[in-house]
Amino acid sequence: MRPDAVTGIGSDGHHEYLRTSCGRDLTVGRLALGDARHPAARVFLDLGQCPGCEGTGWAGLTVAEARQLAQVVLAQAAAAERECRSRAAAAVRRPAASS
């Protein structure tokens, strides 16, 4: 996601929106299924549309699954940052080839 990407919270407070650097609009929200005697809280992720992309997708997750997804996404983001810093540091240490 680019730093100026659009993010926000829906007027009902149950949805959050995120626009990726490729222009895809993600929606994350809560679903309350079931009834008062048998509630079934869910979190959903809607991948939305983007310019030049085909199709959309969504997932309905239990609370535990949503937490697990959050953990793995954060872990992958941290790994990507480390890898990027490592490559940048290696490029700085390696002198440019002269002709």
PDB file of N, CA and C in Angstrom:
ATOM      1  N   MET A   1       0.838  -1.176   0.000  1.00  0.00           N
ATOM      2  CA  MET A   1       0.000   0.000   0.000  1.00  0.00           C
ATOM      3  C   MET A   1       0.880   1.234   0.000  1.00  0.00           C
ATOM      4  N   ARG A   2       0.516   2.187  -0.793  1.00  0.00           N
ATOM      5  CA  ARG A   2       1.282   3.428  -0.824  1.00  0.00           C
ATOM      6  C   ARG A   2       0.882   4.294   0.364  1.00  0.00           C
ATOM      7  N   PRO A   3       1.772   5.195   0.811  1.00  0.00           N
ATOM      8  CA  PRO A   3       1.483   6.003   1.989  1.00  0.00           C
ATOM      9  C   PRO A   3       0.235   6.863   1.863  1.00  0.00           C
ATOM     10  N   ASP A   4      -0.126   7.306   0.665  1.00  0.00           N
ATOM     11  CA  ASP A   4      -1.292   8.177   0.504  1.00  0.00           C
ATOM     12  C   ASP A   4      -2.555   7.396   0.163  1.00  0.00           C
ATOM     13  N   ALA A   5      -2.520   6.075   0.328  1.00  0.00           N
ATOM     14  CA  ALA A   5      -3.684   5.262   0.010  1.00  0.00           C
ATOM     15  C   ALA A   5      -4.847   5.632   0.926  1.00  0.00           C
ATOM     16  N   VAL A   6      -6.040   5.482   0.404  1.00  0.00           N
ATOM     17  CA  VAL A   6      -7.239   5.843   1.139  1.00  0.00           C
ATOM     18  C   VAL A   6      -7.537   4.781   2.194  1.00  0.00           C
ATOM     19  N   THR A   7      -7.771   5.217   3.410  1.00  0.00           N
ATOM     20  CA  THR A   7      -8.241   4.332   4.466  1.00  0.00           C
ATOM     21  C   THR A   7      -9.376   5.042   5.174  1.00  0.00           C
ATOM     22  N   GLY A   8     -10.227   4.301   5.797  1.00  0.00           N
ATOM     23  CA  GLY A   8     -11.304   4.944   6.525  1.00  0.00           C
ATOM     24  C   GLY A   8     -12.214   3.953   7.191  1.00  0.00           C
ATOM     25  N   ILE A   9     -13.103   4.483   7.982  1.00  0.00           N
ATOM     26  CA  ILE A   9     -14.084   3.686   8.698  1.00  0.00           C
ATOM     27  C   ILE A   9     -15.457   4.091   8.208  1.00  0.00           C
ATOM     28  N   GLY A  10     -16.307   3.106   7.959  1.00  0.00           N
ATOM     29  CA  GLY A  10     -17.666   3.378   7.492  1.00  0.00           C
ATOM     30  C   GLY A  10     -18.480   4.123   8.531  1.00  0.00           C
ATOM     31  N   SER A  11     -19.534   4.748   8.089  1.00  0.00           N
ATOM     32  CA  SER A  11     -20.357   5.549   8.981  1.00  0.00           C
ATOM     33  C   SER A  11     -20.996   4.708  10.083  1.00  0.00           C
ATOM     34  N   ASP A  12     -21.159   3.406   9.852  1.00  0.00           N
ATOM     35  CA  ASP A  12     -21.754   2.559  10.887  1.00  0.00           C
ATOM     36  C   ASP A  12     -20.712   2.022  11.865  1.00  0.00           C
ATOM     37  N   GLY A  13     -19.430   2.275  11.601  1.00  0.00           N
ATOM     38  CA  GLY A  13     -18.373   1.806  12.487  1.00  0.00           C
ATOM     39  C   GLY A  13     -18.096   0.318  12.390  1.00  0.00           C
ATOM     40  N   HIS A  14     -18.798  -0.388  11.509  1.00  0.00           N
ATOM     41  CA  HIS A  14     -18.628  -1.831  11.378  1.00  0.00           C
ATOM     42  C   HIS A  14     -17.759  -2.218  10.188  1.00  0.00           C
ATOM     43  N   HIS A  15     -17.361  -1.250   9.391  1.00  0.00           N
ATOM     44  CA  HIS A  15     -16.556  -1.528   8.208  1.00  0.00           C
ATOM     45  C   HIS A  15     -15.360  -0.581   8.172  1.00  0.00           C
ATOM     46  N   GLU A  16     -14.257  -1.106   7.689  1.00  0.00           N
ATOM     47  CA  GLU A  16     -13.083  -0.273   7.436  1.00  0.00           C
ATOM     48  C   GLU A  16     -12.681  -0.488   5.995  1.00  0.00           C
ATOM     49  N   TYR A  17     -12.165   0.567   5.388  1.00  0.00           N
ATOM     50  CA  TYR A  17     -11.840   0.541   3.969  1.00  0.00           C
ATOM     51  C   TYR A  17     -10.372   0.859   3.761  1.00  0.00           C
ATOM     52  N   LEU A  18      -9.798   0.219   2.753  1.00  0.00           N
ATOM     53  CA  LEU A  18      -8.391   0.412   2.442  1.00  0.00           C
ATOM     54  C   LEU A  18      -8.221   0.339   0.934  1.00  0.00           C
ATOM     55  N   ARG A  19      -7.581   1.309   0.339  1.00  0.00           N
ATOM     56  CA  ARG A  19      -7.282   1.267  -1.087  1.00  0.00           C
ATOM     57  C   ARG A  19      -5.806   0.927  -1.245  1.00  0.00           C
ATOM     58  N   THR A  20      -5.511  -0.109  -2.015  1.00  0.00           N
ATOM     59  CA  THR A  20      -4.134  -0.537  -2.225  1.00  0.00           C
ATOM     60  C   THR A  20      -3.468   0.318  -3.296  1.00  0.00           C
ATOM     61  N   SER A  21      -2.170   0.158  -3.438  1.00  0.00           N
ATOM     62  CA  SER A  21      -1.425   0.931  -4.433  1.00  0.00           C
ATOM     63  C   SER A  21      -1.839   0.602  -5.859  1.00  0.00           C
ATOM     64  N   CYS A  22      -2.425  -0.586  -6.085  1.00  0.00           N
ATOM     65  CA  CYS A  22      -2.903  -0.934  -7.428  1.00  0.00           C
ATOM     66  C   CYS A  22      -4.334  -0.454  -7.660  1.00  0.00           C
ATOM     67  N   GLY A  23      -4.939   0.172  -6.648  1.00  0.00           N
ATOM     68  CA  GLY A  23      -6.276   0.705  -6.803  1.00  0.00           C
ATOM     69  C   GLY A  23      -7.401  -0.216  -6.353  1.00  0.00           C
ATOM     70  N   ARG A  24      -7.054  -1.339  -5.760  1.00  0.00           N
ATOM     71  CA  ARG A  24      -8.089  -2.263  -5.269  1.00  0.00           C
ATOM     72  C   ARG A  24      -8.642  -1.722  -3.952  1.00  0.00           C
ATOM     73  N   ASP A  25      -9.962  -1.750  -3.822  1.00  0.00           N
ATOM     74  CA  ASP A  25     -10.628  -1.284  -2.609  1.00  0.00           C
ATOM     75  C   ASP A  25     -10.980  -2.476  -1.736  1.00  0.00           C
ATOM     76  N   LEU A  26     -10.314  -2.586  -0.589  1.00  0.00           N
ATOM     77  CA  LEU A  26     -10.586  -3.657   0.359  1.00  0.00           C
ATOM     78  C   LEU A  26     -11.585  -3.161   1.397  1.00  0.00           C
ATOM     79  N   THR A  27     -12.461  -4.036   1.825  1.00  0.00           N
ATOM     80  CA  THR A  27     -13.391  -3.735   2.900  1.00  0.00           C
ATOM     81  C   THR A  27     -13.247  -4.831   3.944  1.00  0.00           C
ATOM     82  N   VAL A  28     -13.096  -4.424   5.195  1.00  0.00           N
ATOM     83  CA  VAL A  28     -13.046  -5.362   6.314  1.00  0.00           C
ATOM     84  C   VAL A  28     -14.166  -4.964   7.257  1.00  0.00           C
ATOM     85  N   GLY A  29     -14.943  -5.934   7.677  1.00  0.00           N
ATOM     86  CA  GLY A  29     -16.064  -5.593   8.540  1.00  0.00           C
ATOM     87  C   GLY A  29     -16.506  -6.737   9.416  1.00  0.00           C
ATOM     88  N   ARG A  30     -17.542  -6.475  10.160  1.00  0.00           N
ATOM     89  CA  ARG A  30     -18.091  -7.460  11.081  1.00  0.00           C
ATOM     90  C   ARG A  30     -19.474  -7.888  10.615  1.00  0.00           C
ATOM     91  N   LEU A  31     -19.747  -9.159  10.802  1.00  0.00           N
ATOM     92  CA  LEU A  31     -21.067  -9.727  10.533  1.00  0.00           C
ATOM     93  C   LEU A  31     -21.585 -10.320  11.833  1.00  0.00           C
ATOM     94  N   ALA A  32     -22.795 -10.064  12.153  1.00  0.00           N
ATOM     95  CA  ALA A  32     -23.427 -10.684  13.315  1.00  0.00           C
ATOM     96  C   ALA A  32     -24.465 -11.659  12.784  1.00  0.00           C
ATOM     97  N   LEU A  33     -24.184 -12.925  12.879  1.00  0.00           N
ATOM     98  CA  LEU A  33     -25.077 -13.961  12.386  1.00  0.00           C
ATOM     99  C   LEU A  33     -25.740 -14.665  13.565  1.00  0.00           C
ATOM    100  N   GLY A  34     -26.699 -15.468  13.279  1.00  0.00           N
ATOM    101  CA  GLY A  34     -27.376 -16.203  14.329  1.00  0.00           C
ATOM    102  C   GLY A  34     -28.407 -15.340  15.028  1.00  0.00           C
ATOM    103  N   ASP A  35     -28.728 -15.698  16.256  1.00  0.00           N
ATOM    104  CA  ASP A  35     -29.702 -14.944  17.035  1.00  0.00           C
ATOM    105  C   ASP A  35     -29.159 -14.708  18.442  1.00  0.00           C
ATOM    106  N   ALA A  36     -29.983 -14.123  19.312  1.00  0.00           N
ATOM    107  CA  ALA A  36     -29.528 -13.796  20.663  1.00  0.00           C
ATOM    108  C   ALA A  36     -29.131 -15.044  21.444  1.00  0.00           C
ATOM    109  N   ARG A  37     -29.782 -16.142  21.172  1.00  0.00           N
ATOM    110  CA  ARG A  37     -29.452 -17.387  21.893  1.00  0.00           C
ATOM    111  C   ARG A  37     -28.234 -18.084  21.320  1.00  0.00           C
ATOM    112  N   HIS A  38     -27.997 -17.921  20.028  1.00  0.00           N
ATOM    113  CA  HIS A  38     -26.875 -18.587  19.366  1.00  0.00           C
ATOM    114  C   HIS A  38     -26.155 -17.598  18.444  1.00  0.00           C
ATOM    115  N   PRO A  39     -25.493 -16.606  19.035  1.00  0.00           N
ATOM    116  CA  PRO A  39     -24.808 -15.622  18.181  1.00  0.00           C
ATOM    117  C   PRO A  39     -23.589 -16.252  17.502  1.00  0.00           C
ATOM    118  N   ALA A  40     -23.287 -15.746  16.334  1.00  0.00           N
ATOM    119  CA  ALA A  40     -22.125 -16.225  15.581  1.00  0.00           C
ATOM    120  C   ALA A  40     -21.421 -15.014  14.983  1.00  0.00           C
ATOM    121  N   ALA A  41     -20.494 -14.456  15.711  1.00  0.00           N
ATOM    122  CA  ALA A  41     -19.760 -13.287  15.229  1.00  0.00           C
ATOM    123  C   ALA A  41     -18.786 -13.708  14.138  1.00  0.00           C
ATOM    124  N   ARG A  42     -18.718 -12.934  13.084  1.00  0.00           N
ATOM    125  CA  ARG A  42     -17.813 -13.191  11.965  1.00  0.00           C
ATOM    126  C   ARG A  42     -17.153 -11.899  11.538  1.00  0.00           C
ATOM    127  N   VAL A  43     -15.999 -12.032  10.943  1.00  0.00           N
ATOM    128  CA  VAL A  43     -15.282 -10.923  10.323  1.00  0.00           C
ATOM    129  C   VAL A  43     -15.223 -11.250   8.843  1.00  0.00           C
ATOM    130  N   PHE A  44     -15.465 -10.253   8.000  1.00  0.00           N
ATOM    131  CA  PHE A  44     -15.357 -10.532   6.564  1.00  0.00           C
ATOM    132  C   PHE A  44     -14.313  -9.627   5.941  1.00  0.00           C
ATOM    133  N   LEU A  45     -13.736 -10.122   4.867  1.00  0.00           N
ATOM    134  CA  LEU A  45     -12.758  -9.399   4.069  1.00  0.00           C
ATOM    135  C   LEU A  45     -13.227  -9.473   2.629  1.00  0.00           C
ATOM    136  N   ASP A  46     -13.516  -8.305   2.046  1.00  0.00           N
ATOM    137  CA  ASP A  46     -13.946  -8.212   0.655  1.00  0.00           C
ATOM    138  C   ASP A  46     -12.802  -7.603  -0.137  1.00  0.00           C
ATOM    139  N   LEU A  47     -12.322  -8.329  -1.142  1.00  0.00           N
ATOM    140  CA  LEU A  47     -11.171  -7.864  -1.923  1.00  0.00           C
ATOM    141  C   LEU A  47     -11.531  -6.810  -2.950  1.00  0.00           C
ATOM    142  N   GLY A  48     -12.800  -6.612  -3.223  1.00  0.00           N
ATOM    143  CA  GLY A  48     -13.233  -5.535  -4.097  1.00  0.00           C
ATOM    144  C   GLY A  48     -12.705  -5.625  -5.518  1.00  0.00           C
ATOM    145  N   GLN A  49     -12.886  -4.555  -6.238  1.00  0.00           N
ATOM    146  CA  GLN A  49     -12.471  -4.438  -7.638  1.00  0.00           C
ATOM    147  C   GLN A  49     -11.185  -3.627  -7.731  1.00  0.00           C
ATOM    148  N   CYS A  50     -10.476  -3.790  -8.807  1.00  0.00           N
ATOM    149  CA  CYS A  50      -9.345  -2.913  -9.097  1.00  0.00           C
ATOM    150  C   CYS A  50      -9.226  -2.770 -10.609  1.00  0.00           C
ATOM    151  N   PRO A  51      -8.660  -1.655 -11.054  1.00  0.00           N
ATOM    152  CA  PRO A  51      -8.475  -1.450 -12.497  1.00  0.00           C
ATOM    153  C   PRO A  51      -7.592  -2.558 -13.083  1.00  0.00           C
ATOM    154  N   GLY A  52      -8.063  -3.200 -14.121  1.00  0.00           N
ATOM    155  CA  GLY A  52      -7.277  -4.226 -14.803  1.00  0.00           C
ATOM    156  C   GLY A  52      -7.282  -5.587 -14.124  1.00  0.00           C
ATOM    157  N   CYS A  53      -7.997  -5.738 -13.025  1.00  0.00           N
ATOM    158  CA  CYS A  53      -8.064  -7.024 -12.326  1.00  0.00           C
ATOM    159  C   CYS A  53      -9.351  -7.734 -12.714  1.00  0.00           C
ATOM    160  N   GLU A  54      -9.281  -9.046 -12.731  1.00  0.00           N
ATOM    161  CA  GLU A  54     -10.471  -9.823 -13.034  1.00  0.00           C
ATOM    162  C   GLU A  54     -11.050 -10.383 -11.746  1.00  0.00           C
ATOM    163  N   GLY A  55     -12.328 -10.206 -11.568  1.00  0.00           N
ATOM    164  CA  GLY A  55     -13.016 -10.815 -10.448  1.00  0.00           C
ATOM    165  C   GLY A  55     -12.722 -10.187  -9.101  1.00  0.00           C
ATOM    166  N   THR A  56     -13.463 -10.669  -8.138  1.00  0.00           N
ATOM    167  CA  THR A  56     -13.303 -10.247  -6.755  1.00  0.00           C
ATOM    168  C   THR A  56     -13.312 -11.485  -5.890  1.00  0.00           C
ATOM    169  N   GLY A  57     -13.140 -11.290  -4.625  1.00  0.00           N
ATOM    170  CA  GLY A  57     -13.211 -12.405  -3.698  1.00  0.00           C
ATOM    171  C   GLY A  57     -13.517 -11.892  -2.309  1.00  0.00           C
ATOM    172  N   TRP A  58     -13.973 -12.789  -1.474  1.00  0.00           N
ATOM    173  CA  TRP A  58     -14.226 -12.404  -0.099  1.00  0.00           C
ATOM    174  C   TRP A  58     -14.085 -13.629   0.773  1.00  0.00           C
ATOM    175  N   ALA A  59     -13.930 -13.391   2.063  1.00  0.00           N
ATOM    176  CA  ALA A  59     -13.842 -14.478   3.029  1.00  0.00           C
ATOM    177  C   ALA A  59     -14.614 -14.082   4.271  1.00  0.00           C
ATOM    178  N   GLY A  60     -15.350 -15.014   4.813  1.00  0.00           N
ATOM    179  CA  GLY A  60     -16.019 -14.840   6.099  1.00  0.00           C
ATOM    180  C   GLY A  60     -15.253 -15.673   7.114  1.00  0.00           C
ATOM    181  N   LEU A  61     -14.758 -15.036   8.159  1.00  0.00           N
ATOM    182  CA  LEU A  61     -13.881 -15.703   9.122  1.00  0.00           C
ATOM    183  C   LEU A  61     -14.484 -15.702  10.519  1.00  0.00           C
ATOM    184  N   THR A  62     -14.212 -16.756  11.267  1.00  0.00           N
ATOM    185  CA  THR A  62     -14.558 -16.728  12.683  1.00  0.00           C
ATOM    186  C   THR A  62     -13.619 -15.732  13.358  1.00  0.00           C
ATOM    187  N   VAL A  63     -13.925 -15.377  14.579  1.00  0.00           N
ATOM    188  CA  VAL A  63     -13.062 -14.455  15.315  1.00  0.00           C
ATOM    189  C   VAL A  63     -11.655 -15.045  15.443  1.00  0.00           C
ATOM    190  N   ALA A  64     -11.552 -16.317  15.753  1.00  0.00           N
ATOM    191  CA  ALA A  64     -10.239 -16.968  15.893  1.00  0.00           C
ATOM    192  C   ALA A  64      -9.486 -16.971  14.562  1.00  0.00           C
ATOM    193  N   GLU A  65     -10.188 -17.247  13.470  1.00  0.00           N
ATOM    194  CA  GLU A  65      -9.549 -17.239  12.148  1.00  0.00           C
ATOM    195  C   GLU A  65      -9.076 -15.840  11.773  1.00  0.00           C
ATOM    196  N   ALA A  66      -9.876 -14.828  12.106  1.00  0.00           N
ATOM    197  CA  ALA A  66      -9.487 -13.442  11.812  1.00  0.00           C
ATOM    198  C   ALA A  66      -8.221 -13.073  12.574  1.00  0.00           C
ATOM    199  N   ARG A  67      -8.134 -13.484  13.825  1.00  0.00           N
ATOM    200  CA  ARG A  67      -6.923 -13.213  14.610  1.00  0.00           C
ATOM    201  C   ARG A  67      -5.712 -13.949  14.030  1.00  0.00           C
ATOM    202  N   GLN A  68      -5.914 -15.188  13.603  1.00  0.00           N
ATOM    203  CA  GLN A  68      -4.826 -15.958  12.999  1.00  0.00           C
ATOM    204  C   GLN A  68      -4.371 -15.298  11.698  1.00  0.00           C
ATOM    205  N   LEU A  69      -5.316 -14.845  10.881  1.00  0.00           N
ATOM    206  CA  LEU A  69      -4.978 -14.150   9.650  1.00  0.00           C
ATOM    207  C   LEU A  69      -4.172 -12.890   9.954  1.00  0.00           C
ATOM    208  N   ALA A  70      -4.616 -12.124  10.952  1.00  0.00           N
ATOM    209  CA  ALA A  70      -3.894 -10.904  11.329  1.00  0.00           C
ATOM    210  C   ALA A  70      -2.457 -11.226  11.730  1.00  0.00           C
ATOM    211  N   GLN A  71      -2.261 -12.291  12.482  1.00  0.00           N
ATOM    212  CA  GLN A  71      -0.909 -12.678  12.904  1.00  0.00           C
ATOM    213  C   GLN A  71      -0.031 -13.034  11.715  1.00  0.00           C
ATOM    214  N   VAL A  72      -0.562 -13.824  10.776  1.00  0.00           N
ATOM    215  CA  VAL A  72       0.278 -14.234   9.654  1.00  0.00           C
ATOM    216  C   VAL A  72       0.544 -13.072   8.696  1.00  0.00           C
ATOM    217  N   VAL A  73      -0.423 -12.164   8.539  1.00  0.00           N
ATOM    218  CA  VAL A  73      -0.201 -10.990   7.691  1.00  0.00           C
ATOM    219  C   VAL A  73       0.886 -10.109   8.306  1.00  0.00           C
ATOM    220  N   LEU A  74       0.825  -9.872   9.611  1.00  0.00           N
ATOM    221  CA  LEU A  74       1.858  -9.072  10.279  1.00  0.00           C
ATOM    222  C   LEU A  74       3.225  -9.739  10.201  1.00  0.00           C
ATOM    223  N   ALA A  75       3.270 -11.046  10.358  1.00  0.00           N
ATOM    224  CA  ALA A  75       4.535 -11.766  10.258  1.00  0.00           C
ATOM    225  C   ALA A  75       5.125 -11.645   8.852  1.00  0.00           C
ATOM    226  N   GLN A  76       4.292 -11.775   7.831  1.00  0.00           N
ATOM    227  CA  GLN A  76       4.780 -11.648   6.452  1.00  0.00           C
ATOM    228  C   GLN A  76       5.224 -10.218   6.156  1.00  0.00           C
ATOM    229  N   ALA A  77       4.515  -9.225   6.681  1.00  0.00           N
ATOM    230  CA  ALA A  77       4.915  -7.830   6.480  1.00  0.00           C
ATOM    231  C   ALA A  77       6.275  -7.571   7.118  1.00  0.00           C
ATOM    232  N   ALA A  78       6.477  -8.077   8.315  1.00  0.00           N
ATOM    233  CA  ALA A  78       7.770  -7.899   8.996  1.00  0.00           C
ATOM    234  C   ALA A  78       8.890  -8.590   8.218  1.00  0.00           C
ATOM    235  N   ALA A  79       8.629  -9.788   7.716  1.00  0.00           N
ATOM    236  CA  ALA A  79       9.629 -10.517   6.938  1.00  0.00           C
ATOM    237  C   ALA A  79       9.954  -9.777   5.639  1.00  0.00           C
ATOM    238  N   ALA A  80       8.940  -9.220   4.993  1.00  0.00           N
ATOM    239  CA  ALA A  80       9.166  -8.467   3.750  1.00  0.00           C
ATOM    240  C   ALA A  80      10.016  -7.231   4.024  1.00  0.00           C
ATOM    241  N   GLU A  81       9.749  -6.537   5.130  1.00  0.00           N
ATOM    242  CA  GLU A  81      10.555  -5.364   5.489  1.00  0.00           C
ATOM    243  C   GLU A  81      12.006  -5.751   5.751  1.00  0.00           C
ATOM    244  N   ARG A  82      12.205  -6.823   6.507  1.00  0.00           N
ATOM    245  CA  ARG A  82      13.577  -7.281   6.794  1.00  0.00           C
ATOM    246  C   ARG A  82      14.311  -7.632   5.507  1.00  0.00           C
ATOM    247  N   GLU A  83      13.634  -8.351   4.625  1.00  0.00           N
ATOM    248  CA  GLU A  83      14.240  -8.759   3.357  1.00  0.00           C
ATOM    249  C   GLU A  83      14.606  -7.541   2.515  1.00  0.00           C
ATOM    250  N   CYS A  84      13.725  -6.573   2.471  1.00  0.00           N
ATOM    251  CA  CYS A  84      13.969  -5.362   1.693  1.00  0.00           C
ATOM    252  C   CYS A  84      15.162  -4.588   2.256  1.00  0.00           C
ATOM    253  N   ARG A  85      15.217  -4.435   3.595  1.00  0.00           N
ATOM    254  CA  ARG A  85      16.347  -3.739   4.222  1.00  0.00           C
ATOM    255  C   ARG A  85      17.644  -4.490   3.979  1.00  0.00           C
ATOM    256  N   SER A  86      17.595  -5.807   4.043  1.00  0.00           N
ATOM    257  CA  SER A  86      18.786  -6.629   3.834  1.00  0.00           C
ATOM    258  C   SER A  86      19.319  -6.463   2.415  1.00  0.00           C
ATOM    259  N   ARG A  87      18.426  -6.463   1.441  1.00  0.00           N
ATOM    260  CA  ARG A  87      18.837  -6.283   0.042  1.00  0.00           C
ATOM    261  C   ARG A  87      19.400  -4.882  -0.190  1.00  0.00           C
ATOM    262  N   ALA A  88      18.781  -3.890   0.410  1.00  0.00           N
ATOM    263  CA  ALA A  88      19.263  -2.509   0.261  1.00  0.00           C
ATOM    264  C   ALA A  88      20.644  -2.359   0.884  1.00  0.00           C
ATOM    265  N   ALA A  89      20.847  -2.960   2.061  1.00  0.00           N
ATOM    266  CA  ALA A  89      22.155  -2.883   2.726  1.00  0.00           C
ATOM    267  C   ALA A  89      23.219  -3.595   1.896  1.00  0.00           C
ATOM    268  N   ALA A  90      22.872  -4.734   1.304  1.00  0.00           N
ATOM    269  CA  ALA A  90      23.826  -5.465   0.465  1.00  0.00           C
ATOM    270  C   ALA A  90      24.192  -4.669  -0.760  1.00  0.00           C
ATOM    271  N   ALA A  91      23.241  -3.949  -1.329  1.00  0.00           N
ATOM    272  CA  ALA A  91      23.515  -3.126  -2.517  1.00  0.00           C
ATOM    273  C   ALA A  91      24.451  -1.978  -2.182  1.00  0.00           C
ATOM    274  N   VAL A  92      24.331  -1.409  -0.989  1.00  0.00           N
ATOM    275  CA  VAL A  92      25.191  -0.315  -0.566  1.00  0.00           C
ATOM    276  C   VAL A  92      26.611  -0.818  -0.330  1.00  0.00           C
ATOM    277  N   ARG A  93      26.743  -2.021   0.248  1.00  0.00           N
ATOM    278  CA  ARG A  93      28.063  -2.571   0.520  1.00  0.00           C
ATOM    279  C   ARG A  93      28.788  -2.985  -0.753  1.00  0.00           C
ATOM    280  N   ARG A  94      28.055  -3.356  -1.770  1.00  0.00           N
ATOM    281  CA  ARG A  94      28.629  -3.814  -3.025  1.00  0.00           C
ATOM    282  C   ARG A  94      28.930  -2.609  -3.916  1.00  0.00           C
ATOM    283  N   PRO A  95      30.185  -2.363  -4.235  1.00  0.00           N
ATOM    284  CA  PRO A  95      30.481  -1.213  -5.121  1.00  0.00           C
ATOM    285  C   PRO A  95      29.943  -1.444  -6.533  1.00  0.00           C
ATOM    286  N   ALA A  96      29.559  -0.364  -7.170  1.00  0.00           N
ATOM    287  CA  ALA A  96      29.072  -0.451  -8.561  1.00  0.00           C
ATOM    288  C   ALA A  96      30.200  -0.899  -9.457  1.00  0.00           C
ATOM    289  N   ALA A  97      29.885  -1.719 -10.451  1.00  0.00           N
ATOM    290  CA  ALA A  97      30.887  -2.192 -11.402  1.00  0.00           C
ATOM    291  C   ALA A  97      31.311  -1.045 -12.293  1.00  0.00           C
ATOM    292  N   SER A  98      32.628  -0.917 -12.493  1.00  0.00           N
ATOM    293  CA  SER A  98      33.120   0.146 -13.391  1.00  0.00           C
ATOM    294  C   SER A  98      33.450  -0.453 -14.738  1.00  0.00           C
ATOM    295  N   SER A  99      33.337   0.355 -15.779  1.00  0.00           N
ATOM    296  CA  SER A  99      33.605  -0.140 -17.117  1.00  0.00           C
ATOM    297  C   SER A  99      34.982   0.180 -17.551  1.00  0.00           C
TER     298      SER A  99
END
